[in-house]
Structure formats: C-alpha cells, structure tokens
Amino acid sequence: MDHEYSISGRLWVDNADSVLLNQDCREYTFGDIVFLLLATSAKEIQITLKDKFKAVSISDDKIAACCAELSRKFVCRVRIEKLHEEYGNANVFNGGSDYEVVCADRFVCECLNGKEISRSRTQI
C-alpha cells in the first residue's frame, strides 16, 4: 500500500494583488512549516506546502494554529485541509482489480479574522 499526504488551502481577501505585493508575503513561515501563497483570482490566494514531504509529520493542531495565524495576519477567512490517502487494490465490477484510493482521512480547519469557526475530520 502507498500513502500520499497533502496540505493545501485558501485565503479569501478583498484584493489578492495588494496582499501579495510585498515579496515577504509570498512565503509564510510558521515555526518549521513554510507555505507558498499564490493569487488564483482577484480575491483568492492558494496556500500550498513548500516541502510536500513534511505533510506526513504535521499535526492537526499545528494545522489549526497555522490557519488561525494566517487568518489573523491577513484579516480574512482561511481554510486549510490536510489529506491522507491510502492506495491499494480495489475490486472492480468486471472481476478484476484496480490500484486506487481505498481509504482517505481528511482534516479541515477554517478560521475568520484569527478565530477558528470550524474544524472537522472525515474518513472516506
């Protein structure tokens, strides 16, 4: 079985270009975690983990703390998701098998102006 971990998110702001105008805002560091920020529209900024291999070791509480801090810093709504997918053989209708996601665990945290407004964990 293979495992894939990812952390990503979104910031919703009034003007993405003005938020990212300063070069220092294109990367955001929280402790030993570095996020990359990239405008995807006039009011939305994508959050990705700079070192994708770190995703496996980042706790849910640390994700929630990062989410709250980003939300506080940029005075906006932020949503960060941590996803763990497990790949394996799955049966298909024709009697064969296929290698695909057989189990997924998702943690989602959302903050507004530095305060956590929702947190959830789902398993698929």
C-alpha atoms as a PDB file:
ATOM      1  CA  MET A   1       0.000   0.000   0.000  1.00  0.00           C
ATOM      2  CA  ASP A   2       1.129   3.510  -0.788  1.00  0.00           C
ATOM      3  CA  HIS A   3       0.321   6.615   1.230  1.00  0.00           C
ATOM      4  CA  GLU A   4       0.006  10.183  -0.019  1.00  0.00           C
ATOM      5  CA  TYR A   5      -0.175  13.235   2.243  1.00  0.00           C
ATOM      6  CA  SER A   6      -1.003  16.789   1.213  1.00  0.00           C
ATOM      7  CA  ILE A   7      -1.780  20.111   2.850  1.00  0.00           C
ATOM      8  CA  SER A   8      -3.433  22.936   0.943  1.00  0.00           C
ATOM      9  CA  GLY A   9      -5.823  25.770   1.476  1.00  0.00           C
ATOM     10  CA  ARG A  10      -7.279  29.129   0.508  1.00  0.00           C
ATOM     11  CA  LEU A  11      -7.335  32.698   1.785  1.00  0.00           C
ATOM     12  CA  TRP A  12     -10.263  34.895   0.780  1.00  0.00           C
ATOM     13  CA  VAL A  13      -9.241  38.573   0.720  1.00  0.00           C
ATOM     14  CA  ASP A  14     -10.510  41.890  -0.651  1.00  0.00           C
ATOM     15  CA  ASN A  15      -7.581  42.276  -3.047  1.00  0.00           C
ATOM     16  CA  ALA A  16      -5.114  39.410  -3.578  1.00  0.00           C
ATOM     17  CA  ASP A  17      -2.632  41.562  -5.504  1.00  0.00           C
ATOM     18  CA  SER A  18      -2.316  44.075  -2.677  1.00  0.00           C
ATOM     19  CA  VAL A  19      -1.798  41.290  -0.118  1.00  0.00           C
ATOM     20  CA  LEU A  20       0.957  39.676  -2.206  1.00  0.00           C
ATOM     21  CA  LEU A  21       2.511  42.968  -3.356  1.00  0.00           C
ATOM     22  CA  ASN A  22       5.201  42.617  -0.707  1.00  0.00           C
ATOM     23  CA  GLN A  23       7.615  39.802  -1.643  1.00  0.00           C
ATOM     24  CA  ASP A  24       7.753  38.727   2.028  1.00  0.00           C
ATOM     25  CA  CYS A  25       4.095  37.694   1.814  1.00  0.00           C
ATOM     26  CA  ARG A  26       4.624  35.163  -0.973  1.00  0.00           C
ATOM     27  CA  GLU A  27       6.042  32.728   1.590  1.00  0.00           C
ATOM     28  CA  TYR A  28       4.616  32.341   5.055  1.00  0.00           C
ATOM     29  CA  THR A  29       6.612  30.610   7.800  1.00  0.00           C
ATOM     30  CA  PHE A  30       5.004  29.182  10.903  1.00  0.00           C
ATOM     31  CA  GLY A  31       7.630  27.515  13.089  1.00  0.00           C
ATOM     32  CA  ASP A  32       9.309  24.945  10.843  1.00  0.00           C
ATOM     33  CA  ILE A  33       6.488  24.955   8.247  1.00  0.00           C
ATOM     34  CA  VAL A  34       6.751  27.094   5.106  1.00  0.00           C
ATOM     35  CA  PHE A  35       3.696  27.775   2.961  1.00  0.00           C
ATOM     36  CA  LEU A  36       3.704  29.288  -0.521  1.00  0.00           C
ATOM     37  CA  LEU A  37       0.984  31.842  -1.291  1.00  0.00           C
ATOM     38  CA  LEU A  38      -0.191  32.390  -4.868  1.00  0.00           C
ATOM     39  CA  ALA A  39      -3.081  34.517  -6.115  1.00  0.00           C
ATOM     40  CA  THR A  40      -5.561  32.432  -8.121  1.00  0.00           C
ATOM     41  CA  SER A  41      -8.098  35.206  -8.623  1.00  0.00           C
ATOM     42  CA  ALA A  42      -8.643  38.823  -7.592  1.00  0.00           C
ATOM     43  CA  LYS A  43      -9.996  37.745  -4.176  1.00  0.00           C
ATOM     44  CA  GLU A  44      -8.480  34.310  -3.596  1.00  0.00           C
ATOM     45  CA  ILE A  45      -4.994  33.132  -2.625  1.00  0.00           C
ATOM     46  CA  GLN A  46      -3.935  29.487  -2.811  1.00  0.00           C
ATOM     47  CA  ILE A  47      -1.903  28.021   0.067  1.00  0.00           C
ATOM     48  CA  THR A  48       0.476  25.115  -0.606  1.00  0.00           C
ATOM     49  CA  LEU A  49       3.147  23.461   1.477  1.00  0.00           C
ATOM     50  CA  LYS A  50       6.640  24.325   0.212  1.00  0.00           C
ATOM     51  CA  ASP A  51       8.147  20.978   1.287  1.00  0.00           C
ATOM     52  CA  LYS A  52       5.478  18.406   0.413  1.00  0.00           C
ATOM     53  CA  PHE A  53       7.374  15.675   2.315  1.00  0.00           C
ATOM     54  CA  LYS A  54       6.688  17.475   5.637  1.00  0.00           C
ATOM     55  CA  ALA A  55       2.927  16.924   5.324  1.00  0.00           C
ATOM     56  CA  VAL A  56       3.162  13.482   6.933  1.00  0.00           C
ATOM     57  CA  SER A  57       4.557  14.897  10.196  1.00  0.00           C
ATOM     58  CA  ILE A  58       2.377  17.994  10.717  1.00  0.00           C
ATOM     59  CA  SER A  59      -0.315  17.526  13.374  1.00  0.00           C
ATOM     60  CA  ASP A  60      -3.935  18.646  13.118  1.00  0.00           C
ATOM     61  CA  ASP A  61      -3.385  21.085  15.992  1.00  0.00           C
ATOM     62  CA  LYS A  62      -0.456  22.676  14.163  1.00  0.00           C
ATOM     63  CA  ILE A  63      -2.595  22.997  11.009  1.00  0.00           C
ATOM     64  CA  ALA A  64      -5.316  24.706  13.071  1.00  0.00           C
ATOM     65  CA  ALA A  65      -2.752  27.067  14.636  1.00  0.00           C
ATOM     66  CA  CYS A  66      -1.339  27.952  11.181  1.00  0.00           C
ATOM     67  CA  CYS A  67      -4.854  28.566   9.878  1.00  0.00           C
ATOM     68  CA  ALA A  68      -5.679  30.896  12.782  1.00  0.00           C
ATOM     69  CA  GLU A  69      -2.399  32.784  12.429  1.00  0.00           C
ATOM     70  CA  LEU A  70      -2.784  33.296   8.655  1.00  0.00           C
ATOM     71  CA  SER A  71      -6.346  34.458   9.217  1.00  0.00           C
ATOM     72  CA  ARG A  72      -5.239  36.892  11.910  1.00  0.00           C
ATOM     73  CA  LYS A  73      -2.276  38.217   9.902  1.00  0.00           C
ATOM     74  CA  PHE A  74      -4.272  38.918   6.734  1.00  0.00           C
ATOM     75  CA  VAL A  75      -7.597  39.708   8.498  1.00  0.00           C
ATOM     76  CA  CYS A  76      -9.579  37.303   6.343  1.00  0.00           C
ATOM     77  CA  ARG A  77     -11.184  33.873   6.114  1.00  0.00           C
ATOM     78  CA  VAL A  78      -8.754  30.960   5.708  1.00  0.00           C
ATOM     79  CA  ARG A  79      -9.409  27.269   5.090  1.00  0.00           C
ATOM     80  CA  ILE A  80      -6.642  24.651   5.329  1.00  0.00           C
ATOM     81  CA  GLU A  81      -7.056  20.958   4.558  1.00  0.00           C
ATOM     82  CA  LYS A  82      -4.769  18.036   5.374  1.00  0.00           C
ATOM     83  CA  LEU A  83      -5.441  14.918   3.320  1.00  0.00           C
ATOM     84  CA  HIS A  84      -4.043  11.406   3.779  1.00  0.00           C
ATOM     85  CA  GLU A  85      -4.886   8.947   1.012  1.00  0.00           C
ATOM     86  CA  GLU A  86      -4.067   5.250   1.129  1.00  0.00           C
ATOM     87  CA  TYR A  87      -3.765   3.472  -2.214  1.00  0.00           C
ATOM     88  CA  GLY A  88      -4.319  -0.236  -2.731  1.00  0.00           C
ATOM     89  CA  ASN A  89      -6.052  -2.828  -4.869  1.00  0.00           C
ATOM     90  CA  ALA A  90      -9.788  -2.336  -5.144  1.00  0.00           C
ATOM     91  CA  ASN A  91     -12.243  -4.716  -6.771  1.00  0.00           C
ATOM     92  CA  VAL A  92     -13.990  -3.582  -9.899  1.00  0.00           C
ATOM     93  CA  PHE A  93     -17.267  -4.884 -11.360  1.00  0.00           C
ATOM     94  CA  ASN A  94     -15.706  -6.982 -14.127  1.00  0.00           C
ATOM     95  CA  GLY A  95     -13.939  -9.220 -11.604  1.00  0.00           C
ATOM     96  CA  GLY A  96     -10.509  -7.635 -11.924  1.00  0.00           C
ATOM     97  CA  SER A  97      -8.817  -5.209  -9.647  1.00  0.00           C
ATOM     98  CA  ASP A  98      -7.554  -1.678  -9.900  1.00  0.00           C
ATOM     99  CA  TYR A  99      -4.969   0.269  -7.866  1.00  0.00           C
ATOM    100  CA  GLU A 100      -6.759   3.295  -6.404  1.00  0.00           C
ATOM    101  CA  VAL A 101      -7.584   5.177  -3.206  1.00  0.00           C
ATOM    102  CA  VAL A 102      -9.070   2.660  -0.769  1.00  0.00           C
ATOM    103  CA  CYS A 103      -9.108   4.893   2.318  1.00  0.00           C
ATOM    104  CA  ALA A 104      -8.852   8.638   2.871  1.00  0.00           C
ATOM    105  CA  ASP A 105      -8.648  10.744   6.005  1.00  0.00           C
ATOM    106  CA  ARG A 106      -9.340  14.482   5.728  1.00  0.00           C
ATOM    107  CA  PHE A 107      -8.881  17.200   8.355  1.00  0.00           C
ATOM    108  CA  VAL A 108     -10.296  20.666   7.585  1.00  0.00           C
ATOM    109  CA  CYS A 109      -9.942  23.828   9.648  1.00  0.00           C
ATOM    110  CA  GLU A 110     -11.479  27.207   8.854  1.00  0.00           C
ATOM    111  CA  CYS A 111     -10.746  30.491  10.616  1.00  0.00           C
ATOM    112  CA  LEU A 112     -12.072  34.019  10.296  1.00  0.00           C
ATOM    113  CA  ASN A 113     -10.022  37.000  11.480  1.00  0.00           C
ATOM    114  CA  GLY A 114      -7.870  34.800  13.728  1.00  0.00           C
ATOM    115  CA  LYS A 115     -10.695  32.787  15.303  1.00  0.00           C
ATOM    116  CA  GLU A 116     -11.485  29.179  14.494  1.00  0.00           C
ATOM    117  CA  ILE A 117     -15.004  28.856  13.101  1.00  0.00           C
ATOM    118  CA  SER A 118     -14.978  25.175  12.136  1.00  0.00           C
ATOM    119  CA  ARG A 119     -12.893  22.036  12.411  1.00  0.00           C
ATOM    120  CA  SER A 120     -13.778  18.608  11.075  1.00  0.00           C
ATOM    121  CA  ARG A 121     -12.340  15.198  10.335  1.00  0.00           C
ATOM    122  CA  THR A 122     -13.850  12.792   7.851  1.00  0.00           C
ATOM    123  CA  GLN A 123     -12.829   9.324   6.763  1.00  0.00           C
ATOM    124  CA  ILE A 124     -13.791   8.000   3.384  1.00  0.00           C
END
